[in-house]
């Protein structure tokens, strides 16, 4: 199953790179901030109109927390951005949507035997600023967030038992749900113009 997902992702990335190569401005990016936290985050951005770009980011974590609870997730975030000066330089603002899969302990469950597994959808906005260091390299500081709707089930770390089905009223419910306004992307990207 994971191999099949990897094949689809690589096919998508190849098509996107070929499509993006036809435009004069395509950038590949890596988030230095999340790299320090051992959570890889990569993006690709390409021009779609004057001062307007399309960006696609993937951010992931495959780690366990200090108490051996899972902190695994994968966020996919497509975004449309508008630059006030020119693409790759100056202030920008964008709108985004996205999806995530996760298996993790929320912060308020860190000292318990419980964790959550599910998926989420988000819609929001991003603001940031880009600096050109030279013809090819640049930096980009950004912060984005919005509304994140999660669908999950709760499990016990010790046994794997699904504890959420024991809540009164949950007997026939497929998912627990949580809707939150949160920051879900940000950092300092190192950019390279293809």
C-alpha atoms as a PDB file:
ATOM      1  CA  UNK A   1       0.000   0.000   0.000  1.00  0.00           C
ATOM      2  CA  UNK A   2       2.788   2.452   0.915  1.00  0.00           C
ATOM      3  CA  UNK A   3       4.660   1.585  -2.293  1.00  0.00           C
ATOM      4  CA  UNK A   4       1.569   2.329  -4.375  1.00  0.00           C
ATOM      5  CA  UNK A   5       1.115   5.717  -2.670  1.00  0.00           C
ATOM      6  CA  UNK A   6       4.787   6.482  -3.288  1.00  0.00           C
ATOM      7  CA  UNK A   7       4.403   5.665  -6.996  1.00  0.00           C
ATOM      8  CA  UNK A   8       1.409   8.008  -7.306  1.00  0.00           C
ATOM      9  CA  UNK A   9       3.248  10.776  -5.495  1.00  0.00           C
ATOM     10  CA  UNK A  10       6.330  10.415  -7.721  1.00  0.00           C
ATOM     11  CA  UNK A  11       4.134  10.416 -10.840  1.00  0.00           C
ATOM     12  CA  UNK A  12       2.367  13.581  -9.623  1.00  0.00           C
ATOM     13  CA  UNK A  13       5.706  15.234  -8.843  1.00  0.00           C
ATOM     14  CA  UNK A  14       7.117  14.320 -12.279  1.00  0.00           C
ATOM     15  CA  UNK A  15       4.056  15.737 -14.054  1.00  0.00           C
ATOM     16  CA  UNK A  16       4.193  18.874 -11.922  1.00  0.00           C
ATOM     17  CA  UNK A  17       7.900  19.376 -12.611  1.00  0.00           C
ATOM     18  CA  UNK A  18       7.387  18.923 -16.353  1.00  0.00           C
ATOM     19  CA  UNK A  19       4.386  21.277 -16.294  1.00  0.00           C
ATOM     20  CA  UNK A  20       6.226  23.786 -14.158  1.00  0.00           C
ATOM     21  CA  UNK A  21       9.305  23.683 -16.382  1.00  0.00           C
ATOM     22  CA  UNK A  22       7.253  25.238 -19.178  1.00  0.00           C
ATOM     23  CA  UNK A  23       6.958  28.405 -17.087  1.00  0.00           C
ATOM     24  CA  UNK A  24       9.851  30.771 -16.575  1.00  0.00           C
ATOM     25  CA  UNK A  25       9.754  30.659 -12.774  1.00  0.00           C
ATOM     26  CA  UNK A  26       9.641  27.403 -10.854  1.00  0.00           C
ATOM     27  CA  UNK A  27      11.131  27.000  -7.381  1.00  0.00           C
ATOM     28  CA  UNK A  28      11.860  23.958  -5.227  1.00  0.00           C
ATOM     29  CA  UNK A  29      11.954  24.569  -1.493  1.00  0.00           C
ATOM     30  CA  UNK A  30      12.949  22.986   1.785  1.00  0.00           C
ATOM     31  CA  UNK A  31      11.844  24.207   5.205  1.00  0.00           C
ATOM     32  CA  UNK A  32      14.915  24.765   7.398  1.00  0.00           C
ATOM     33  CA  UNK A  33      12.783  25.294  10.518  1.00  0.00           C
ATOM     34  CA  UNK A  34      10.962  21.958  10.358  1.00  0.00           C
ATOM     35  CA  UNK A  35      14.214  20.215   9.326  1.00  0.00           C
ATOM     36  CA  UNK A  36      15.680  21.233  12.701  1.00  0.00           C
ATOM     37  CA  UNK A  37      12.730  19.434  14.315  1.00  0.00           C
ATOM     38  CA  UNK A  38      13.384  16.362  12.094  1.00  0.00           C
ATOM     39  CA  UNK A  39      10.105  16.888  10.237  1.00  0.00           C
ATOM     40  CA  UNK A  40      10.858  17.183   6.515  1.00  0.00           C
ATOM     41  CA  UNK A  41       8.869  19.766   4.584  1.00  0.00           C
ATOM     42  CA  UNK A  42       9.320  20.335   0.863  1.00  0.00           C
ATOM     43  CA  UNK A  43       7.489  22.428  -1.673  1.00  0.00           C
ATOM     44  CA  UNK A  44       7.401  23.311  -5.324  1.00  0.00           C
ATOM     45  CA  UNK A  45       6.080  26.638  -6.615  1.00  0.00           C
ATOM     46  CA  UNK A  46       5.450  27.695 -10.197  1.00  0.00           C
ATOM     47  CA  UNK A  47       4.107  30.785 -11.935  1.00  0.00           C
ATOM     48  CA  UNK A  48       0.514  30.607 -13.199  1.00  0.00           C
ATOM     49  CA  UNK A  49      -0.035  34.314 -13.966  1.00  0.00           C
ATOM     50  CA  UNK A  50       1.654  37.669 -13.484  1.00  0.00           C
ATOM     51  CA  UNK A  51       2.546  37.882  -9.745  1.00  0.00           C
ATOM     52  CA  UNK A  52       0.509  34.676  -9.070  1.00  0.00           C
ATOM     53  CA  UNK A  53       1.896  31.220  -8.291  1.00  0.00           C
ATOM     54  CA  UNK A  54       0.706  27.742  -7.391  1.00  0.00           C
ATOM     55  CA  UNK A  55       2.595  25.994  -4.599  1.00  0.00           C
ATOM     56  CA  UNK A  56       2.308  22.424  -3.325  1.00  0.00           C
ATOM     57  CA  UNK A  57       3.851  21.479   0.049  1.00  0.00           C
ATOM     58  CA  UNK A  58       4.326  18.149   1.798  1.00  0.00           C
ATOM     59  CA  UNK A  59       5.231  18.071   5.489  1.00  0.00           C
ATOM     60  CA  UNK A  60       5.692  14.908   7.497  1.00  0.00           C
ATOM     61  CA  UNK A  61       6.788  13.372  10.751  1.00  0.00           C
ATOM     62  CA  UNK A  62       7.452   9.730  11.488  1.00  0.00           C
ATOM     63  CA  UNK A  63       8.580   9.950  15.074  1.00  0.00           C
ATOM     64  CA  UNK A  64       7.409   8.952  18.523  1.00  0.00           C
ATOM     65  CA  UNK A  65       7.163  11.413  21.378  1.00  0.00           C
ATOM     66  CA  UNK A  66       9.094  11.276  24.644  1.00  0.00           C
ATOM     67  CA  UNK A  67       6.587   8.799  26.141  1.00  0.00           C
ATOM     68  CA  UNK A  68       6.618   6.532  23.054  1.00  0.00           C
ATOM     69  CA  UNK A  69       3.310   7.882  21.790  1.00  0.00           C
ATOM     70  CA  UNK A  70       3.133   8.310  18.018  1.00  0.00           C
ATOM     71  CA  UNK A  71       3.707  11.726  16.454  1.00  0.00           C
ATOM     72  CA  UNK A  72       3.279  10.673  12.828  1.00  0.00           C
ATOM     73  CA  UNK A  73       1.562  12.803  10.207  1.00  0.00           C
ATOM     74  CA  UNK A  74       1.620  13.853   6.570  1.00  0.00           C
ATOM     75  CA  UNK A  75       0.198  17.215   5.457  1.00  0.00           C
ATOM     76  CA  UNK A  76      -0.410  18.004   1.767  1.00  0.00           C
ATOM     77  CA  UNK A  77      -1.134  21.684   1.173  1.00  0.00           C
ATOM     78  CA  UNK A  78      -1.823  23.210  -2.255  1.00  0.00           C
ATOM     79  CA  UNK A  79      -1.800  27.004  -2.264  1.00  0.00           C
ATOM     80  CA  UNK A  80      -2.307  29.960  -4.625  1.00  0.00           C
ATOM     81  CA  UNK A  81      -0.127  32.982  -3.835  1.00  0.00           C
ATOM     82  CA  UNK A  82      -0.072  36.626  -4.883  1.00  0.00           C
ATOM     83  CA  UNK A  83       3.212  38.588  -4.750  1.00  0.00           C
ATOM     84  CA  UNK A  84       3.039  42.376  -4.383  1.00  0.00           C
ATOM     85  CA  UNK A  85       6.371  42.979  -6.206  1.00  0.00           C
ATOM     86  CA  UNK A  86       7.433  40.067  -8.359  1.00  0.00           C
ATOM     87  CA  UNK A  87       7.412  36.312  -7.921  1.00  0.00           C
ATOM     88  CA  UNK A  88      10.074  35.174  -5.474  1.00  0.00           C
ATOM     89  CA  UNK A  89      10.688  38.625  -4.020  1.00  0.00           C
ATOM     90  CA  UNK A  90       8.886  40.693  -1.404  1.00  0.00           C
ATOM     91  CA  UNK A  91       5.606  40.298   0.445  1.00  0.00           C
ATOM     92  CA  UNK A  92       3.086  37.624  -0.535  1.00  0.00           C
ATOM     93  CA  UNK A  93      -0.288  36.362   0.642  1.00  0.00           C
ATOM     94  CA  UNK A  94      -1.981  33.127  -0.294  1.00  0.00           C
ATOM     95  CA  UNK A  95      -5.027  30.960   0.186  1.00  0.00           C
ATOM     96  CA  UNK A  96      -4.715  27.238   0.732  1.00  0.00           C
ATOM     97  CA  UNK A  97      -6.573  24.056   1.390  1.00  0.00           C
ATOM     98  CA  UNK A  98      -5.258  20.658   2.176  1.00  0.00           C
ATOM     99  CA  UNK A  99      -5.521  17.277   3.756  1.00  0.00           C
ATOM    100  CA  UNK A 100      -3.623  15.315   6.365  1.00  0.00           C
ATOM    101  CA  UNK A 101      -3.389  11.845   7.800  1.00  0.00           C
ATOM    102  CA  UNK A 102      -2.136  11.384  11.340  1.00  0.00           C
ATOM    103  CA  UNK A 103      -1.428   9.005  14.189  1.00  0.00           C
ATOM    104  CA  UNK A 104      -0.464  11.078  17.187  1.00  0.00           C
ATOM    105  CA  UNK A 105      -1.052  12.144  20.755  1.00  0.00           C
ATOM    106  CA  UNK A 106      -2.564  15.582  21.146  1.00  0.00           C
ATOM    107  CA  UNK A 107      -0.724  17.763  23.663  1.00  0.00           C
ATOM    108  CA  UNK A 108      -3.396  17.268  26.344  1.00  0.00           C
ATOM    109  CA  UNK A 109      -2.936  13.457  26.152  1.00  0.00           C
ATOM    110  CA  UNK A 110       0.876  13.360  26.565  1.00  0.00           C
ATOM    111  CA  UNK A 111       0.762  11.882  30.079  1.00  0.00           C
ATOM    112  CA  UNK A 112      -1.888   9.283  29.262  1.00  0.00           C
ATOM    113  CA  UNK A 113      -2.155   5.906  27.549  1.00  0.00           C
ATOM    114  CA  UNK A 114      -4.242   7.421  24.718  1.00  0.00           C
ATOM    115  CA  UNK A 115      -3.531   8.508  21.139  1.00  0.00           C
ATOM    116  CA  UNK A 116      -5.590   9.437  18.081  1.00  0.00           C
ATOM    117  CA  UNK A 117      -5.531   8.200  14.484  1.00  0.00           C
ATOM    118  CA  UNK A 118      -7.421   9.728  11.569  1.00  0.00           C
ATOM    119  CA  UNK A 119      -7.468  12.344   8.838  1.00  0.00           C
ATOM    120  CA  UNK A 120      -8.104  16.063   8.530  1.00  0.00           C
ATOM    121  CA  UNK A 121      -9.022  18.736   6.020  1.00  0.00           C
ATOM    122  CA  UNK A 122      -8.023  22.368   6.237  1.00  0.00           C
ATOM    123  CA  UNK A 123      -8.636  25.699   4.572  1.00  0.00           C
ATOM    124  CA  UNK A 124      -6.769  28.882   5.363  1.00  0.00           C
ATOM    125  CA  UNK A 125      -4.332  31.606   4.406  1.00  0.00           C
ATOM    126  CA  UNK A 126      -0.610  32.279   4.409  1.00  0.00           C
ATOM    127  CA  UNK A 127       1.438  35.472   4.619  1.00  0.00           C
ATOM    128  CA  UNK A 128       5.161  35.792   4.133  1.00  0.00           C
ATOM    129  CA  UNK A 129       8.154  37.544   2.688  1.00  0.00           C
ATOM    130  CA  UNK A 130      10.718  36.309   0.138  1.00  0.00           C
ATOM    131  CA  UNK A 131      14.306  37.473  -0.297  1.00  0.00           C
ATOM    132  CA  UNK A 132      16.531  36.737  -3.276  1.00  0.00           C
ATOM    133  CA  UNK A 133      20.090  35.920  -2.285  1.00  0.00           C
ATOM    134  CA  UNK A 134      21.276  35.628  -5.895  1.00  0.00           C
ATOM    135  CA  UNK A 135      19.925  34.534  -9.298  1.00  0.00           C
ATOM    136  CA  UNK A 136      19.047  31.005  -8.092  1.00  0.00           C
ATOM    137  CA  UNK A 137      18.871  30.969  -4.281  1.00  0.00           C
ATOM    138  CA  UNK A 138      16.500  32.677  -1.879  1.00  0.00           C
ATOM    139  CA  UNK A 139      14.844  32.622   1.533  1.00  0.00           C
ATOM    140  CA  UNK A 140      11.176  32.760   2.424  1.00  0.00           C
ATOM    141  CA  UNK A 141       9.695  33.398   5.882  1.00  0.00           C
ATOM    142  CA  UNK A 142       6.019  32.496   6.176  1.00  0.00           C
ATOM    143  CA  UNK A 143       3.175  31.616   8.528  1.00  0.00           C
ATOM    144  CA  UNK A 144      -0.126  30.034   7.595  1.00  0.00           C
ATOM    145  CA  UNK A 145      -3.152  28.689   9.344  1.00  0.00           C
ATOM    146  CA  UNK A 146      -6.880  28.439   9.263  1.00  0.00           C
ATOM    147  CA  UNK A 147      -9.683  26.046  10.044  1.00  0.00           C
ATOM    148  CA  UNK A 148      -8.728  22.388  10.482  1.00  0.00           C
ATOM    149  CA  UNK A 149     -11.473  19.732  10.679  1.00  0.00           C
ATOM    150  CA  UNK A 150     -10.258  16.380  12.034  1.00  0.00           C
ATOM    151  CA  UNK A 151     -11.926  12.971  11.939  1.00  0.00           C
ATOM    152  CA  UNK A 152     -10.306  10.423  14.220  1.00  0.00           C
ATOM    153  CA  UNK A 153     -10.608   7.440  16.508  1.00  0.00           C
ATOM    154  CA  UNK A 154      -8.918   7.144  19.873  1.00  0.00           C
ATOM    155  CA  UNK A 155      -6.820   4.150  20.883  1.00  0.00           C
ATOM    156  CA  UNK A 156      -4.882   2.933  23.919  1.00  0.00           C
ATOM    157  CA  UNK A 157      -1.100   2.751  23.488  1.00  0.00           C
ATOM    158  CA  UNK A 158      -0.834  -0.300  25.729  1.00  0.00           C
ATOM    159  CA  UNK A 159      -3.390  -2.520  23.967  1.00  0.00           C
ATOM    160  CA  UNK A 160      -4.472  -0.803  20.749  1.00  0.00           C
ATOM    161  CA  UNK A 161      -8.081  -0.887  22.003  1.00  0.00           C
ATOM    162  CA  UNK A 162     -10.380   1.757  20.465  1.00  0.00           C
ATOM    163  CA  UNK A 163     -11.582   3.665  23.530  1.00  0.00           C
ATOM    164  CA  UNK A 164     -13.692   6.265  21.681  1.00  0.00           C
ATOM    165  CA  UNK A 165     -16.443   3.760  20.921  1.00  0.00           C
ATOM    166  CA  UNK A 166     -17.095   3.449  24.683  1.00  0.00           C
ATOM    167  CA  UNK A 167     -18.282   7.060  24.985  1.00  0.00           C
ATOM    168  CA  UNK A 168     -22.058   7.331  25.414  1.00  0.00           C
ATOM    169  CA  UNK A 169     -23.639   8.061  22.025  1.00  0.00           C
ATOM    170  CA  UNK A 170     -20.616   6.833  20.060  1.00  0.00           C
ATOM    171  CA  UNK A 171     -21.770   3.242  19.562  1.00  0.00           C
ATOM    172  CA  UNK A 172     -22.818   3.833  15.932  1.00  0.00           C
ATOM    173  CA  UNK A 173     -20.560   6.765  15.154  1.00  0.00           C
ATOM    174  CA  UNK A 174     -17.736   6.213  12.661  1.00  0.00           C
ATOM    175  CA  UNK A 175     -15.475   9.073  13.804  1.00  0.00           C
ATOM    176  CA  UNK A 176     -14.925  11.532  16.607  1.00  0.00           C
ATOM    177  CA  UNK A 177     -14.554  15.038  15.215  1.00  0.00           C
ATOM    178  CA  UNK A 178     -12.679  18.158  16.162  1.00  0.00           C
ATOM    179  CA  UNK A 179     -12.757  21.551  14.450  1.00  0.00           C
ATOM    180  CA  UNK A 180     -10.067  24.052  15.382  1.00  0.00           C
ATOM    181  CA  UNK A 181      -8.568  27.332  14.190  1.00  0.00           C
ATOM    182  CA  UNK A 182      -4.816  26.660  14.191  1.00  0.00           C
ATOM    183  CA  UNK A 183      -1.519  27.654  12.610  1.00  0.00           C
ATOM    184  CA  UNK A 184      -0.567  24.625  10.492  1.00  0.00           C
ATOM    185  CA  UNK A 185       2.365  25.800   8.401  1.00  0.00           C
ATOM    186  CA  UNK A 186       5.270  28.137   8.863  1.00  0.00           C
ATOM    187  CA  UNK A 187       9.000  28.543   8.998  1.00  0.00           C
ATOM    188  CA  UNK A 188      11.928  29.572   6.872  1.00  0.00           C
ATOM    189  CA  UNK A 189      12.155  28.008   3.419  1.00  0.00           C
ATOM    190  CA  UNK A 190      15.386  27.796   1.469  1.00  0.00           C
ATOM    191  CA  UNK A 191      14.387  28.244  -2.181  1.00  0.00           C
ATOM    192  CA  UNK A 192      16.106  27.274  -5.427  1.00  0.00           C
ATOM    193  CA  UNK A 193      14.968  28.532  -8.833  1.00  0.00           C
ATOM    194  CA  UNK A 194      15.055  25.832 -11.519  1.00  0.00           C
END
